[in-house]
Amino acid sequence: PNAGRLRTGLVHGDYNDANVLVQGGAVSGVIDFGDSVYTWSVNDLAICMAYATVTSYGKTDALGAAACVLAGYSAECPLTT
């Protein structure tokens, strides 16, 4: 019922610790655009949150890892229009 309020656009589709490059504690680049597609932006968030739960940090606190991703994403990129 709220699909019309969700933002759409080109999404990466595979944000994970192997595809997000970090230097000096900040994101310096993103690689591997093979899963990119035009869809709801929330899909990128969901995929990233899922990956975060299986990282070394996520294995000890899966909910905390997912919450950190959600907080960071929401601060930079609102999901609704």
Protein backbone atom coordinates (compact mmCIF):
# COMPACT_ATOMS: atom_id res chain seq x y z
CA PRO A 1 0.00 0.00 0.00
CA ASN A 2 2.95 2.39 0.51
CA ALA A 3 4.90 1.40 -2.60
CA GLY A 4 4.04 4.70 -4.26
CA ARG A 5 5.81 6.60 -1.47
CA LEU A 6 9.05 4.61 -1.75
CA ARG A 7 11.88 6.13 -3.74
CA THR A 8 13.00 4.34 -6.88
CA GLY A 9 16.21 4.57 -8.83
CA LEU A 10 19.28 2.71 -10.00
CA VAL A 11 20.53 0.56 -7.13
CA HIS A 12 23.88 -1.20 -6.74
CA GLY A 13 22.29 -4.44 -5.56
CA ASP A 14 25.37 -5.94 -3.87
CA TYR A 15 26.70 -3.64 -1.15
CA ASN A 16 28.90 -5.80 1.05
CA ASP A 17 32.32 -5.64 2.68
CA ALA A 18 33.99 -6.89 -0.51
CA ASN A 19 32.41 -4.25 -2.76
CA VAL A 20 32.65 -1.13 -0.61
CA LEU A 21 36.19 0.21 -0.47
CA VAL A 22 37.23 2.00 2.72
CA GLN A 23 40.32 4.10 3.29
CA GLY A 24 41.08 6.05 6.44
CA GLY A 25 37.73 5.12 7.97
CA ALA A 26 35.70 6.55 5.08
CA VAL A 27 34.18 5.04 1.94
CA SER A 28 36.59 5.66 -0.92
CA GLY A 29 34.83 3.72 -3.65
CA VAL A 30 32.39 1.04 -4.71
CA ILE A 31 33.04 -1.79 -7.16
CA ASP A 32 31.07 -4.60 -8.85
CA PHE A 33 28.01 -3.15 -10.54
CA GLY A 34 26.88 -6.47 -12.03
CA ASP A 35 23.72 -6.59 -9.92
CA SER A 36 22.64 -3.00 -10.60
CA VAL A 37 18.99 -2.54 -11.52
CA TYR A 38 16.29 0.13 -11.48
CA THR A 39 13.99 -0.65 -8.53
CA TRP A 40 12.98 0.57 -5.10
CA SER A 41 15.92 2.09 -3.23
CA VAL A 42 14.99 0.13 -0.12
CA ASN A 43 16.34 -2.98 -1.86
CA ASP A 44 19.92 -1.70 -1.52
CA LEU A 45 19.33 -1.13 2.18
CA ALA A 46 17.87 -4.61 2.71
CA ILE A 47 20.74 -6.32 0.89
CA CYS A 48 23.35 -4.33 2.80
CA MET A 49 21.66 -5.07 6.12
CA ALA A 50 21.58 -8.78 5.31
CA TYR A 51 25.30 -8.80 4.49
CA ALA A 52 26.06 -6.84 7.67
CA THR A 53 24.52 -9.57 9.80
CA VAL A 54 26.98 -12.18 8.53
CA THR A 55 30.18 -10.15 8.90
CA SER A 56 32.44 -10.76 11.89
CA TYR A 57 30.67 -7.91 13.73
CA GLY A 58 27.25 -9.19 12.69
CA LYS A 59 27.97 -12.69 13.93
CA THR A 60 28.28 -11.36 17.47
CA ASP A 61 25.47 -8.78 17.20
CA ALA A 62 23.39 -9.29 14.06
CA LEU A 63 20.61 -6.92 15.10
CA GLY A 64 23.13 -4.26 16.12
CA ALA A 65 24.93 -4.55 12.80
CA ALA A 66 21.69 -4.22 10.85
CA ALA A 67 20.61 -1.27 13.01
CA CYS A 68 23.89 0.55 12.32
CA VAL A 69 23.40 0.14 8.58
CA LEU A 70 19.80 1.37 8.85
CA ALA A 71 20.80 4.40 10.91
CA GLY A 72 23.59 5.40 8.55
CA TYR A 73 21.53 4.87 5.43
CA SER A 74 18.52 6.73 6.79
CA ALA A 75 20.67 9.70 7.81
CA GLU A 76 21.96 10.11 4.26
CA CYS A 77 19.17 8.83 2.09
CA PRO A 78 15.50 8.88 3.18
CA LEU A 79 13.47 5.94 1.87
CA THR A 80 10.28 7.84 1.19
CA THR A 81 9.64 10.79 -1.07
